[in-house]
């Protein structure tokens, strides 16, 4: 590979790195909501896994086991939505076959 080819490759790598950083910064400002029990438990999180808000319906406060289960399901739902949103945001930024964890 000639000198010009290596320079272009470096520029492309730097551009890809800048685009990835920008997308990661944008993900920090995107919130998703996981829910369970038909909305009785709602957990709002950023796509950087920061919990922003938890909303629990008062009807659940007398049943500890059900509440624990519903919180777990709502968290799993939120994490799945974070994964989907992050993958969609990053998909066009990385060449096919190059697996980079986000």
N, C-alpha and C. Protein backbone atom coordinates (compact mmCIF):
# COMPACT_ATOMS: atom_id res chain seq x y z
N UNK A 1 0.86 -1.19 0.00
CA UNK A 1 0.00 0.00 0.00
C UNK A 1 0.89 1.23 0.00
N UNK A 2 0.62 2.14 -0.90
CA UNK A 2 1.41 3.35 -1.01
C UNK A 2 1.16 4.31 0.13
N UNK A 3 2.00 5.35 0.16
CA UNK A 3 1.88 6.33 1.23
C UNK A 3 0.52 7.03 1.25
N UNK A 4 0.00 7.34 0.06
CA UNK A 4 -1.31 8.00 -0.03
C UNK A 4 -2.43 7.11 0.48
N UNK A 5 -2.34 5.80 0.18
CA UNK A 5 -3.35 4.85 0.64
C UNK A 5 -3.39 4.74 2.15
N UNK A 6 -2.21 4.76 2.77
CA UNK A 6 -2.14 4.68 4.23
C UNK A 6 -2.69 5.96 4.85
N UNK A 7 -2.41 7.09 4.23
CA UNK A 7 -2.93 8.36 4.74
C UNK A 7 -4.45 8.40 4.68
N UNK A 8 -5.01 7.92 3.56
CA UNK A 8 -6.47 7.87 3.43
C UNK A 8 -7.08 6.94 4.46
N UNK A 9 -6.43 5.81 4.69
CA UNK A 9 -6.91 4.84 5.68
C UNK A 9 -6.91 5.46 7.07
N UNK A 10 -5.87 6.21 7.39
CA UNK A 10 -5.80 6.87 8.70
C UNK A 10 -6.90 7.93 8.84
N UNK A 11 -7.13 8.68 7.78
CA UNK A 11 -8.19 9.70 7.81
C UNK A 11 -9.55 9.05 8.01
N UNK A 12 -9.78 7.93 7.32
CA UNK A 12 -11.05 7.21 7.48
C UNK A 12 -11.21 6.69 8.90
N UNK A 13 -10.13 6.17 9.47
CA UNK A 13 -10.18 5.66 10.84
C UNK A 13 -10.47 6.79 11.83
N UNK A 14 -9.85 7.95 11.62
CA UNK A 14 -10.09 9.09 12.50
C UNK A 14 -11.52 9.59 12.36
N UNK A 15 -12.05 9.59 11.14
CA UNK A 15 -13.42 10.02 10.91
C UNK A 15 -14.40 9.06 11.58
N UNK A 16 -14.12 7.75 11.44
CA UNK A 16 -14.98 6.75 12.06
C UNK A 16 -14.95 6.90 13.58
N UNK A 17 -13.77 7.15 14.14
CA UNK A 17 -13.64 7.33 15.59
C UNK A 17 -14.43 8.55 16.05
N UNK A 18 -14.35 9.64 15.31
CA UNK A 18 -15.10 10.86 15.66
C UNK A 18 -16.60 10.61 15.59
N UNK A 19 -17.04 9.90 14.55
CA UNK A 19 -18.47 9.59 14.41
C UNK A 19 -18.95 8.68 15.53
N UNK A 20 -18.13 7.71 15.92
CA UNK A 20 -18.51 6.82 17.03
C UNK A 20 -18.63 7.60 18.33
N UNK A 21 -17.70 8.50 18.59
CA UNK A 21 -17.74 9.31 19.80
C UNK A 21 -19.00 10.17 19.82
N UNK A 22 -19.32 10.78 18.67
CA UNK A 22 -20.52 11.62 18.58
C UNK A 22 -21.78 10.79 18.86
N UNK A 23 -21.85 9.59 18.26
CA UNK A 23 -23.01 8.72 18.47
C UNK A 23 -23.12 8.30 19.93
N UNK A 24 -21.99 7.99 20.56
CA UNK A 24 -22.01 7.60 21.98
C UNK A 24 -22.49 8.76 22.84
N UNK A 25 -22.05 9.98 22.53
CA UNK A 25 -22.50 11.16 23.27
C UNK A 25 -24.01 11.35 23.11
N UNK A 26 -24.51 11.13 21.88
CA UNK A 26 -25.95 11.26 21.63
C UNK A 26 -26.73 10.20 22.40
N UNK A 27 -26.19 8.99 22.49
CA UNK A 27 -26.87 7.91 23.23
C UNK A 27 -27.05 8.27 24.70
N UNK A 28 -26.11 9.01 25.26
CA UNK A 28 -26.22 9.40 26.67
C UNK A 28 -27.44 10.28 26.90
N UNK A 29 -27.93 10.93 25.84
CA UNK A 29 -29.09 11.82 25.95
C UNK A 29 -30.39 11.19 25.49
N UNK A 30 -30.34 9.92 25.09
CA UNK A 30 -31.56 9.23 24.67
C UNK A 30 -32.05 8.37 25.82
N UNK A 31 -33.31 8.55 26.18
CA UNK A 31 -33.91 7.76 27.26
C UNK A 31 -34.88 6.73 26.68
N UNK A 32 -34.93 5.58 27.34
CA UNK A 32 -35.90 4.54 27.01
C UNK A 32 -36.69 4.23 28.27
N UNK A 33 -37.85 3.61 28.09
CA UNK A 33 -38.66 3.23 29.24
C UNK A 33 -38.96 1.74 29.18
N UNK A 34 -38.55 1.04 30.22
CA UNK A 34 -38.91 -0.35 30.37
C UNK A 34 -40.12 -0.43 31.27
N UNK A 35 -41.02 -1.36 30.98
CA UNK A 35 -42.21 -1.46 31.82
C UNK A 35 -42.61 -2.91 32.00
N UNK A 36 -43.43 -3.14 32.99
CA UNK A 36 -43.97 -4.48 33.24
C UNK A 36 -45.32 -4.34 33.94
N UNK A 37 -46.05 -5.46 33.97
CA UNK A 37 -47.35 -5.46 34.64
C UNK A 37 -48.31 -4.46 34.02
N UNK A 38 -48.32 -4.40 32.68
CA UNK A 38 -49.19 -3.45 31.98
C UNK A 38 -48.98 -2.02 32.46
N UNK A 39 -47.72 -1.66 32.69
CA UNK A 39 -47.39 -0.29 33.08
C UNK A 39 -47.43 -0.02 34.57
N UNK A 40 -47.61 -1.06 35.38
CA UNK A 40 -47.63 -0.83 36.83
C UNK A 40 -46.24 -0.47 37.35
N UNK A 41 -45.19 -0.95 36.68
CA UNK A 41 -43.82 -0.58 37.00
C UNK A 41 -43.19 -0.03 35.72
N UNK A 42 -42.62 1.17 35.83
CA UNK A 42 -41.94 1.80 34.69
C UNK A 42 -40.57 2.28 35.16
N UNK A 43 -39.56 1.99 34.34
CA UNK A 43 -38.21 2.43 34.65
C UNK A 43 -37.67 3.18 33.44
N UNK A 44 -37.31 4.43 33.65
CA UNK A 44 -36.73 5.26 32.59
C UNK A 44 -35.22 5.28 32.77
N UNK A 45 -34.50 4.95 31.66
CA UNK A 45 -33.03 4.90 31.70
C UNK A 45 -32.46 5.58 30.46
N UNK A 46 -31.25 6.12 30.60
CA UNK A 46 -30.54 6.61 29.42
C UNK A 46 -29.91 5.41 28.73
N UNK A 47 -29.51 5.60 27.50
CA UNK A 47 -28.85 4.52 26.75
C UNK A 47 -27.42 4.31 27.23
N UNK A 48 -27.03 5.00 28.26
CA UNK A 48 -25.75 4.76 28.92
C UNK A 48 -25.97 4.09 30.29
N UNK A 49 -27.16 3.49 30.46
CA UNK A 49 -27.53 2.71 31.64
C UNK A 49 -27.69 3.53 32.92
N UNK A 50 -27.93 4.82 32.81
CA UNK A 50 -28.21 5.64 33.98
C UNK A 50 -29.72 5.61 34.24
N UNK A 51 -30.11 5.18 35.43
CA UNK A 51 -31.53 5.16 35.78
C UNK A 51 -31.97 6.59 36.06
N UNK A 52 -33.00 7.02 35.36
CA UNK A 52 -33.50 8.39 35.49
C UNK A 52 -34.72 8.47 36.41
N UNK A 53 -35.59 7.45 36.32
CA UNK A 53 -36.82 7.51 37.10
C UNK A 53 -37.40 6.11 37.23
N UNK A 54 -37.98 5.83 38.39
CA UNK A 54 -38.72 4.59 38.62
C UNK A 54 -40.11 4.98 39.09
N UNK A 55 -41.12 4.42 38.43
CA UNK A 55 -42.51 4.70 38.79
C UNK A 55 -43.19 3.37 39.15
N UNK A 56 -43.67 3.26 40.38
CA UNK A 56 -44.32 2.04 40.85
C UNK A 56 -45.74 2.38 41.28
N UNK A 57 -46.69 1.67 40.70
CA UNK A 57 -48.09 1.87 41.07
C UNK A 57 -48.29 1.49 42.54
N UNK A 58 -49.05 2.30 43.26
CA UNK A 58 -49.26 2.07 44.70
C UNK A 58 -49.90 0.72 45.00
N UNK A 59 -50.64 0.16 44.07
CA UNK A 59 -51.32 -1.12 44.32
C UNK A 59 -50.33 -2.26 44.55
N UNK A 60 -49.07 -2.06 44.17
CA UNK A 60 -48.05 -3.11 44.32
C UNK A 60 -47.29 -3.06 45.64
N UNK A 61 -47.51 -2.02 46.42
CA UNK A 61 -46.70 -1.82 47.61
C UNK A 61 -46.96 -2.83 48.72
N UNK A 62 -48.01 -3.61 48.63
CA UNK A 62 -48.29 -4.60 49.67
C UNK A 62 -47.84 -6.01 49.31
N UNK A 63 -47.27 -6.19 48.12
CA UNK A 63 -46.85 -7.53 47.70
C UNK A 63 -45.40 -7.48 47.22
N UNK A 64 -44.51 -7.72 48.17
CA UNK A 64 -43.07 -7.59 47.93
C UNK A 64 -42.58 -8.48 46.78
N UNK A 65 -42.99 -9.74 46.75
CA UNK A 65 -42.49 -10.67 45.74
C UNK A 65 -42.92 -10.26 44.33
N UNK A 66 -44.17 -9.90 44.17
CA UNK A 66 -44.64 -9.47 42.85
C UNK A 66 -43.93 -8.20 42.43
N UNK A 67 -43.76 -7.26 43.37
CA UNK A 67 -43.06 -6.01 43.07
C UNK A 67 -41.63 -6.28 42.62
N UNK A 68 -40.92 -7.16 43.31
CA UNK A 68 -39.55 -7.51 42.93
C UNK A 68 -39.50 -8.10 41.52
N UNK A 69 -40.43 -9.00 41.25
CA UNK A 69 -40.48 -9.62 39.91
C UNK A 69 -40.76 -8.59 38.83
N UNK A 70 -41.70 -7.69 39.07
CA UNK A 70 -42.05 -6.68 38.08
C UNK A 70 -40.92 -5.68 37.85
N UNK A 71 -40.18 -5.35 38.91
CA UNK A 71 -39.02 -4.47 38.74
C UNK A 71 -37.97 -5.15 37.87
N UNK A 72 -37.73 -6.43 38.11
CA UNK A 72 -36.75 -7.17 37.31
C UNK A 72 -37.17 -7.22 35.84
N UNK A 73 -38.44 -7.48 35.58
CA UNK A 73 -38.93 -7.54 34.20
C UNK A 73 -38.82 -6.17 33.54
N UNK A 74 -39.15 -5.11 34.28
CA UNK A 74 -39.06 -3.75 33.72
C UNK A 74 -37.60 -3.39 33.40
N UNK A 75 -36.67 -3.78 34.27
CA UNK A 75 -35.25 -3.54 34.01
C UNK A 75 -34.78 -4.29 32.76
N UNK A 76 -35.17 -5.55 32.65
CA UNK A 76 -34.79 -6.34 31.47
C UNK A 76 -35.35 -5.70 30.20
N UNK A 77 -36.58 -5.21 30.28
CA UNK A 77 -37.20 -4.55 29.13
C UNK A 77 -36.41 -3.29 28.76
N UNK A 78 -36.03 -2.51 29.76
CA UNK A 78 -35.26 -1.29 29.50
C UNK A 78 -33.90 -1.62 28.88
N UNK A 79 -33.21 -2.62 29.43
CA UNK A 79 -31.90 -2.99 28.89
C UNK A 79 -32.01 -3.49 27.45
N UNK A 80 -33.07 -4.21 27.15
CA UNK A 80 -33.26 -4.70 25.77
C UNK A 80 -33.49 -3.52 24.83
N UNK A 81 -34.26 -2.54 25.27
CA UNK A 81 -34.50 -1.35 24.45
C UNK A 81 -33.23 -0.53 24.28
N UNK A 82 -32.40 -0.46 25.31
CA UNK A 82 -31.11 0.22 25.21
C UNK A 82 -30.23 -0.47 24.17
N UNK A 83 -30.18 -1.80 24.23
CA UNK A 83 -29.38 -2.57 23.28
C UNK A 83 -29.85 -2.32 21.84
N UNK A 84 -31.15 -2.37 21.63
CA UNK A 84 -31.71 -2.14 20.29
C UNK A 84 -31.41 -0.73 19.80
N UNK A 85 -31.64 0.25 20.65
CA UNK A 85 -31.40 1.65 20.27
C UNK A 85 -29.93 1.88 19.97
N UNK A 86 -29.04 1.35 20.81
CA UNK A 86 -27.60 1.52 20.61
C UNK A 86 -27.15 0.86 19.31
N UNK A 87 -27.63 -0.33 19.06
CA UNK A 87 -27.26 -1.04 17.83
C UNK A 87 -27.71 -0.28 16.59
N UNK A 88 -28.94 0.24 16.64
CA UNK A 88 -29.45 1.01 15.51
C UNK A 88 -28.62 2.28 15.28
N UNK A 89 -28.25 2.94 16.36
CA UNK A 89 -27.50 4.19 16.27
C UNK A 89 -26.10 3.96 15.71
N UNK A 90 -25.49 2.84 16.08
CA UNK A 90 -24.11 2.57 15.71
C UNK A 90 -23.97 1.77 14.41
N UNK A 91 -25.03 1.17 13.93
CA UNK A 91 -24.94 0.22 12.83
C UNK A 91 -24.28 0.78 11.57
N UNK A 92 -24.56 1.97 11.20
CA UNK A 92 -24.00 2.53 9.99
C UNK A 92 -22.61 3.10 10.13
N UNK A 93 -22.09 3.12 11.36
CA UNK A 93 -20.80 3.77 11.59
C UNK A 93 -19.61 2.83 11.51
N UNK A 94 -19.85 1.53 11.57
CA UNK A 94 -18.77 0.55 11.61
C UNK A 94 -18.86 -0.33 10.37
N UNK A 95 -17.74 -0.55 9.70
CA UNK A 95 -17.76 -1.41 8.52
C UNK A 95 -18.25 -2.82 8.86
N UNK A 96 -18.95 -3.49 7.93
CA UNK A 96 -19.46 -4.84 8.17
C UNK A 96 -18.34 -5.79 8.59
N UNK A 97 -18.64 -6.64 9.54
CA UNK A 97 -17.67 -7.62 10.02
C UNK A 97 -16.77 -7.10 11.12
N UNK A 98 -16.80 -5.82 11.40
CA UNK A 98 -15.97 -5.24 12.45
C UNK A 98 -16.83 -5.09 13.70
N UNK A 99 -16.65 -5.97 14.65
CA UNK A 99 -17.47 -5.98 15.85
C UNK A 99 -16.82 -5.14 16.94
N UNK A 100 -17.47 -4.03 17.25
CA UNK A 100 -16.98 -3.14 18.31
C UNK A 100 -18.06 -3.05 19.38
N UNK A 101 -17.74 -3.40 20.63
CA UNK A 101 -18.76 -3.31 21.69
C UNK A 101 -19.08 -1.86 22.02
N UNK A 102 -20.36 -1.59 22.25
CA UNK A 102 -20.78 -0.23 22.59
C UNK A 102 -21.22 -0.23 24.01
